[in-house]
Structures are given as structure tokens and as C-alpha cells.
Amino acid sequence: MSQTQYLKLLEKEIQHINKKIDMKIMQGEAYMKEARDHKLLLKKVRYHSRKSFFSRLFPTFFKFQF
């Protein structure tokens, strides 16, 4: 599975959990478990989509032009 496919899968799961949370809020139920799962999925998305420190610091330096 490529990284982009993995990120899309995570995004789809986040949307699914968001719908669950919305339904529980409307019904007045607790949604602590779903909130924890949502937070963990967001951490995974941020971890896999982050850029290296140097590429953010010097974005044009690391681009190779031929």
C-alpha cells in the first residue's frame, strides 16, 4: 500500500468516526472512545504527511533542476 493510499484510508476512517461522534452528540451520549480514536488517527496522518526539517527550512535548496 502506498503512502497516499494509506493517507486516504486514514481520512476515510476519520470521516466515519466524525459521523459517529455527530450522531452521539445529537443523541446526548458520551463519545469519549470515538474522540480518542479520532485523535490517534490525526496523529498518524500528521506523522505520515510531515516534511523533513531541512526541506521546510530550505525548500528551494533541495529542488534539483536539470
PDB file of N, CA and C in Angstrom:
ATOM      1  N   MET A   1       0.856  -1.173   0.000  1.00  0.00           N
ATOM      2  CA  MET A   1       0.000   0.000   0.000  1.00  0.00           C
ATOM      3  C   MET A   1       0.899   1.232   0.000  1.00  0.00           C
ATOM      4  N   SER A   2       0.632   2.125  -0.900  1.00  0.00           N
ATOM      5  CA  SER A   2       1.429   3.342  -0.961  1.00  0.00           C
ATOM      6  C   SER A   2       1.028   4.305   0.156  1.00  0.00           C
ATOM      7  N   GLN A   3       1.869   5.286   0.351  1.00  0.00           N
ATOM      8  CA  GLN A   3       1.607   6.251   1.417  1.00  0.00           C
ATOM      9  C   GLN A   3       0.351   7.072   1.120  1.00  0.00           C
ATOM     10  N   THR A   4       0.135   7.414  -0.134  1.00  0.00           N
ATOM     11  CA  THR A   4      -1.065   8.193  -0.463  1.00  0.00           C
ATOM     12  C   THR A   4      -2.333   7.372  -0.241  1.00  0.00           C
ATOM     13  N   GLN A   5      -2.272   6.089  -0.574  1.00  0.00           N
ATOM     14  CA  GLN A   5      -3.430   5.225  -0.322  1.00  0.00           C
ATOM     15  C   GLN A   5      -3.687   5.097   1.170  1.00  0.00           C
ATOM     16  N   TYR A   6      -2.616   4.978   1.939  1.00  0.00           N
ATOM     17  CA  TYR A   6      -2.747   4.874   3.390  1.00  0.00           C
ATOM     18  C   TYR A   6      -3.365   6.133   3.976  1.00  0.00           C
ATOM     19  N   LEU A   7      -2.923   7.288   3.503  1.00  0.00           N
ATOM     20  CA  LEU A   7      -3.474   8.553   3.985  1.00  0.00           C
ATOM     21  C   LEU A   7      -4.949   8.690   3.618  1.00  0.00           C
ATOM     22  N   LYS A   8      -5.325   8.247   2.429  1.00  0.00           N
ATOM     23  CA  LYS A   8      -6.732   8.287   2.035  1.00  0.00           C
ATOM     24  C   LYS A   8      -7.569   7.373   2.920  1.00  0.00           C
ATOM     25  N   LEU A   9      -7.016   6.207   3.257  1.00  0.00           N
ATOM     26  CA  LEU A   9      -7.708   5.279   4.139  1.00  0.00           C
ATOM     27  C   LEU A   9      -7.901   5.894   5.523  1.00  0.00           C
ATOM     28  N   LEU A  10      -6.868   6.563   6.028  1.00  0.00           N
ATOM     29  CA  LEU A  10      -6.982   7.235   7.321  1.00  0.00           C
ATOM     30  C   LEU A  10      -8.025   8.337   7.275  1.00  0.00           C
ATOM     31  N   GLU A  11      -8.036   9.117   6.203  1.00  0.00           N
ATOM     32  CA  GLU A  11      -9.017  10.194   6.065  1.00  0.00           C
ATOM     33  C   GLU A  11     -10.441   9.643   6.036  1.00  0.00           C
ATOM     34  N   LYS A  12     -10.628   8.525   5.337  1.00  0.00           N
ATOM     35  CA  LYS A  12     -11.947   7.915   5.275  1.00  0.00           C
ATOM     36  C   LYS A  12     -12.387   7.447   6.661  1.00  0.00           C
ATOM     37  N   GLU A  13     -11.465   6.871   7.410  1.00  0.00           N
ATOM     38  CA  GLU A  13     -11.788   6.409   8.768  1.00  0.00           C
ATOM     39  C   GLU A  13     -12.090   7.585   9.691  1.00  0.00           C
ATOM     40  N   ILE A  14     -11.379   8.684   9.527  1.00  0.00           N
ATOM     41  CA  ILE A  14     -11.648   9.886  10.321  1.00  0.00           C
ATOM     42  C   ILE A  14     -13.055  10.404  10.031  1.00  0.00           C
ATOM     43  N   GLN A  15     -13.432  10.430   8.766  1.00  0.00           N
ATOM     44  CA  GLN A  15     -14.781  10.878   8.408  1.00  0.00           C
ATOM     45  C   GLN A  15     -15.845   9.969   9.018  1.00  0.00           C
ATOM     46  N   HIS A  16     -15.586   8.675   9.020  1.00  0.00           N
ATOM     47  CA  HIS A  16     -16.519   7.713   9.614  1.00  0.00           C
ATOM     48  C   HIS A  16     -16.676   7.967  11.120  1.00  0.00           C
ATOM     49  N   ILE A  17     -15.564   8.195  11.790  1.00  0.00           N
ATOM     50  CA  ILE A  17     -15.611   8.461  13.233  1.00  0.00           C
ATOM     51  C   ILE A  17     -16.303   9.794  13.506  1.00  0.00           C
ATOM     52  N   ASN A  18     -16.077  10.785  12.644  1.00  0.00           N
ATOM     53  CA  ASN A  18     -16.754  12.078  12.800  1.00  0.00           C
ATOM     54  C   ASN A  18     -18.272  11.924  12.744  1.00  0.00           C
ATOM     55  N   LYS A  19     -18.740  11.074  11.836  1.00  0.00           N
ATOM     56  CA  LYS A  19     -20.177  10.834  11.735  1.00  0.00           C
ATOM     57  C   LYS A  19     -20.714  10.171  12.998  1.00  0.00           C
ATOM     58  N   LYS A  20     -19.946   9.223  13.542  1.00  0.00           N
ATOM     59  CA  LYS A  20     -20.346   8.568  14.790  1.00  0.00           C
ATOM     60  C   LYS A  20     -20.432   9.579  15.924  1.00  0.00           C
ATOM     61  N   ILE A  21     -19.422  10.445  16.008  1.00  0.00           N
ATOM     62  CA  ILE A  21     -19.392  11.456  17.065  1.00  0.00           C
ATOM     63  C   ILE A  21     -20.585  12.397  16.927  1.00  0.00           C
ATOM     64  N   ASP A  22     -20.863  12.826  15.705  1.00  0.00           N
ATOM     65  CA  ASP A  22     -22.003  13.720  15.473  1.00  0.00           C
ATOM     66  C   ASP A  22     -23.318  13.083  15.925  1.00  0.00           C
ATOM     67  N   MET A  23     -23.498  11.820  15.586  1.00  0.00           N
ATOM     68  CA  MET A  23     -24.724  11.130  15.987  1.00  0.00           C
ATOM     69  C   MET A  23     -24.831  11.025  17.508  1.00  0.00           C
ATOM     70  N   LYS A  24     -23.719  10.727  18.162  1.00  0.00           N
ATOM     71  CA  LYS A  24     -23.749  10.607  19.617  1.00  0.00           C
ATOM     72  C   LYS A  24     -24.005  11.960  20.278  1.00  0.00           C
ATOM     73  N   ILE A  25     -23.472  13.022  19.706  1.00  0.00           N
ATOM     74  CA  ILE A  25     -23.719  14.353  20.254  1.00  0.00           C
ATOM     75  C   ILE A  25     -25.203  14.690  20.131  1.00  0.00           C
ATOM     76  N   MET A  26     -25.794  14.395  18.981  1.00  0.00           N
ATOM     77  CA  MET A  26     -27.206  14.700  18.777  1.00  0.00           C
ATOM     78  C   MET A  26     -28.096  13.873  19.701  1.00  0.00           C
ATOM     79  N   GLN A  27     -27.660  12.666  20.046  1.00  0.00           N
ATOM     80  CA  GLN A  27     -28.446  11.807  20.928  1.00  0.00           C
ATOM     81  C   GLN A  27     -28.120  12.042  22.404  1.00  0.00           C
ATOM     82  N   GLY A  28     -27.125  12.885  22.674  1.00  0.00           N
ATOM     83  CA  GLY A  28     -26.753  13.187  24.050  1.00  0.00           C
ATOM     84  C   GLY A  28     -25.948  12.098  24.723  1.00  0.00           C
ATOM     85  N   GLU A  29     -25.264  11.277  23.954  1.00  0.00           N
ATOM     86  CA  GLU A  29     -24.470  10.189  24.508  1.00  0.00           C
ATOM     87  C   GLU A  29     -23.001  10.606  24.642  1.00  0.00           C
ATOM     88  N   ALA A  30     -22.261   9.838  25.439  1.00  0.00           N
ATOM     89  CA  ALA A  30     -20.831  10.082  25.599  1.00  0.00           C
ATOM     90  C   ALA A  30     -20.096   9.561  24.359  1.00  0.00           C
ATOM     91  N   TYR A  31     -19.041  10.255  23.983  1.00  0.00           N
ATOM     92  CA  TYR A  31     -18.289   9.861  22.792  1.00  0.00           C
ATOM     93  C   TYR A  31     -16.791   9.867  23.066  1.00  0.00           C
ATOM     94  N   MET A  32     -16.414   9.506  24.285  1.00  0.00           N
ATOM     95  CA  MET A  32     -15.008   9.537  24.686  1.00  0.00           C
ATOM     96  C   MET A  32     -14.149   8.570  23.860  1.00  0.00           C
ATOM     97  N   LYS A  33     -14.636   7.360  23.633  1.00  0.00           N
ATOM     98  CA  LYS A  33     -13.870   6.369  22.872  1.00  0.00           C
ATOM     99  C   LYS A  33     -13.631   6.851  21.445  1.00  0.00           C
ATOM    100  N   GLU A  34     -14.651   7.380  20.816  1.00  0.00           N
ATOM    101  CA  GLU A  34     -14.523   7.862  19.451  1.00  0.00           C
ATOM    102  C   GLU A  34     -13.575   9.059  19.375  1.00  0.00           C
ATOM    103  N   ALA A  35     -13.625   9.928  20.374  1.00  0.00           N
ATOM    104  CA  ALA A  35     -12.736  11.089  20.394  1.00  0.00           C
ATOM    105  C   ALA A  35     -11.275  10.637  20.506  1.00  0.00           C
ATOM    106  N   ARG A  36     -11.036   9.609  21.298  1.00  0.00           N
ATOM    107  CA  ARG A  36      -9.672   9.081  21.448  1.00  0.00           C
ATOM    108  C   ARG A  36      -9.194   8.472  20.125  1.00  0.00           C
ATOM    109  N   ASP A  37     -10.062   7.706  19.469  1.00  0.00           N
ATOM    110  CA  ASP A  37      -9.710   7.117  18.178  1.00  0.00           C
ATOM    111  C   ASP A  37      -9.431   8.194  17.138  1.00  0.00           C
ATOM    112  N   HIS A  38     -10.252   9.240  17.151  1.00  0.00           N
ATOM    113  CA  HIS A  38     -10.084  10.363  16.222  1.00  0.00           C
ATOM    114  C   HIS A  38      -8.719  11.017  16.429  1.00  0.00           C
ATOM    115  N   LYS A  39      -8.362  11.230  17.670  1.00  0.00           N
ATOM    116  CA  LYS A  39      -7.081  11.862  17.994  1.00  0.00           C
ATOM    117  C   LYS A  39      -5.911  11.002  17.521  1.00  0.00           C
ATOM    118  N   LEU A  40      -5.985   9.696  17.715  1.00  0.00           N
ATOM    119  CA  LEU A  40      -4.911   8.804  17.278  1.00  0.00           C
ATOM    120  C   LEU A  40      -4.777   8.784  15.759  1.00  0.00           C
ATOM    121  N   LEU A  41      -5.895   8.789  15.065  1.00  0.00           N
ATOM    122  CA  LEU A  41      -5.842   8.810  13.604  1.00  0.00           C
ATOM    123  C   LEU A  41      -5.242  10.113  13.087  1.00  0.00           C
ATOM    124  N   LEU A  42      -5.579  11.221  13.737  1.00  0.00           N
ATOM    125  CA  LEU A  42      -4.987  12.502  13.327  1.00  0.00           C
ATOM    126  C   LEU A  42      -3.479  12.503  13.544  1.00  0.00           C
ATOM    127  N   LYS A  43      -3.021  11.884  14.620  1.00  0.00           N
ATOM    128  CA  LYS A  43      -1.579  11.779  14.856  1.00  0.00           C
ATOM    129  C   LYS A  43      -0.905  10.998  13.740  1.00  0.00           C
ATOM    130  N   LYS A  44      -1.550   9.906  13.307  1.00  0.00           N
ATOM    131  CA  LYS A  44      -0.990   9.095  12.227  1.00  0.00           C
ATOM    132  C   LYS A  44      -0.919   9.891  10.930  1.00  0.00           C
ATOM    133  N   VAL A  45      -1.965  10.653  10.643  1.00  0.00           N
ATOM    134  CA  VAL A  45      -1.974  11.458   9.420  1.00  0.00           C
ATOM    135  C   VAL A  45      -0.859  12.491   9.476  1.00  0.00           C
ATOM    136  N   ARG A  46      -0.722  13.162  10.588  1.00  0.00           N
ATOM    137  CA  ARG A  46       0.326  14.177  10.712  1.00  0.00           C
ATOM    138  C   ARG A  46       1.714  13.568  10.611  1.00  0.00           C
ATOM    139  N   TYR A  47       1.904  12.397  11.203  1.00  0.00           N
ATOM    140  CA  TYR A  47       3.211  11.736  11.170  1.00  0.00           C
ATOM    141  C   TYR A  47       3.588  11.350   9.742  1.00  0.00           C
ATOM    142  N   HIS A  48       2.653  10.811   8.999  1.00  0.00           N
ATOM    143  CA  HIS A  48       2.956  10.326   7.656  1.00  0.00           C
ATOM    144  C   HIS A  48       2.939  11.417   6.598  1.00  0.00           C
ATOM    145  N   SER A  49       2.426  12.575   6.904  1.00  0.00           N
ATOM    146  CA  SER A  49       2.392  13.644   5.910  1.00  0.00           C
ATOM    147  C   SER A  49       3.352  14.780   6.250  1.00  0.00           C
ATOM    148  N   ARG A  50       4.162  14.599   7.262  1.00  0.00           N
ATOM    149  CA  ARG A  50       5.089  15.669   7.629  1.00  0.00           C
ATOM    150  C   ARG A  50       6.278  15.698   6.682  1.00  0.00           C
ATOM    151  N   LYS A  51       6.880  16.861   6.591  1.00  0.00           N
ATOM    152  CA  LYS A  51       8.071  17.044   5.774  1.00  0.00           C
ATOM    153  C   LYS A  51       9.275  17.117   6.697  1.00  0.00           C
ATOM    154  N   SER A  52      10.421  16.855   6.137  1.00  0.00           N
ATOM    155  CA  SER A  52      11.627  16.927   6.957  1.00  0.00           C
ATOM    156  C   SER A  52      11.930  18.379   7.319  1.00  0.00           C
ATOM    157  N   PHE A  53      12.691  18.546   8.361  1.00  0.00           N
ATOM    158  CA  PHE A  53      13.031  19.875   8.853  1.00  0.00           C
ATOM    159  C   PHE A  53      13.760  20.686   7.789  1.00  0.00           C
ATOM    160  N   PHE A  54      14.739  20.068   7.127  1.00  0.00           N
ATOM    161  CA  PHE A  54      15.541  20.800   6.152  1.00  0.00           C
ATOM    162  C   PHE A  54      14.760  21.149   4.889  1.00  0.00           C
ATOM    163  N   SER A  55      13.828  20.308   4.499  1.00  0.00           N
ATOM    164  CA  SER A  55      13.044  20.657   3.309  1.00  0.00           C
ATOM    165  C   SER A  55      12.100  21.813   3.579  1.00  0.00           C
ATOM    166  N   ARG A  56      11.695  21.984   4.860  1.00  0.00           N
ATOM    167  CA  ARG A  56      10.876  23.154   5.199  1.00  0.00           C
ATOM    168  C   ARG A  56      11.732  24.391   5.360  1.00  0.00           C
ATOM    169  N   LEU A  57      12.951  24.199   5.848  1.00  0.00           N
ATOM    170  CA  LEU A  57      13.839  25.324   6.092  1.00  0.00           C
ATOM    171  C   LEU A  57      14.401  25.885   4.783  1.00  0.00           C
ATOM    172  N   PHE A  58      14.774  24.997   3.879  1.00  0.00           N
ATOM    173  CA  PHE A  58      15.356  25.402   2.604  1.00  0.00           C
ATOM    174  C   PHE A  58      14.598  24.743   1.456  1.00  0.00           C
ATOM    175  N   PRO A  59      13.393  25.190   1.161  1.00  0.00           N
ATOM    176  CA  PRO A  59      12.590  24.482   0.146  1.00  0.00           C
ATOM    177  C   PRO A  59      13.184  24.531  -1.256  1.00  0.00           C
ATOM    178  N   THR A  60      13.835  25.618  -1.629  1.00  0.00           N
ATOM    179  CA  THR A  60      14.379  25.703  -2.981  1.00  0.00           C
ATOM    180  C   THR A  60      15.751  25.067  -3.076  1.00  0.00           C
ATOM    181  N   PHE A  61      16.434  24.922  -1.979  1.00  0.00           N
ATOM    182  CA  PHE A  61      17.778  24.346  -1.983  1.00  0.00           C
ATOM    183  C   PHE A  61      17.754  22.878  -2.388  1.00  0.00           C
ATOM    184  N   PHE A  62      16.720  22.149  -1.996  1.00  0.00           N
ATOM    185  CA  PHE A  62      16.659  20.715  -2.245  1.00  0.00           C
ATOM    186  C   PHE A  62      15.972  20.350  -3.554  1.00  0.00           C
ATOM    187  N   LYS A  63      15.542  21.329  -4.309  1.00  0.00           N
ATOM    188  CA  LYS A  63      14.945  21.051  -5.605  1.00  0.00           C
ATOM    189  C   LYS A  63      16.062  21.017  -6.641  1.00  0.00           C
ATOM    190  N   PHE A  64      16.134  19.929  -7.349  1.00  0.00           N
ATOM    191  CA  PHE A  64      17.177  19.774  -8.351  1.00  0.00           C
ATOM    192  C   PHE A  64      16.645  20.199  -9.705  1.00  0.00           C
ATOM    193  N   GLN A  65      17.384  21.020 -10.372  1.00  0.00           N
ATOM    194  CA  GLN A  65      16.984  21.485 -11.687  1.00  0.00           C
ATOM    195  C   GLN A  65      18.039  21.034 -12.694  1.00  0.00           C
ATOM    196  N   PHE A  66      17.578  20.445 -13.778  1.00  0.00           N
ATOM    197  CA  PHE A  66      18.499  19.984 -14.825  1.00  0.00           C
ATOM    198  C   PHE A  66      18.294  20.766 -16.080  1.00  0.00           C
TER     199      PHE A  66
END
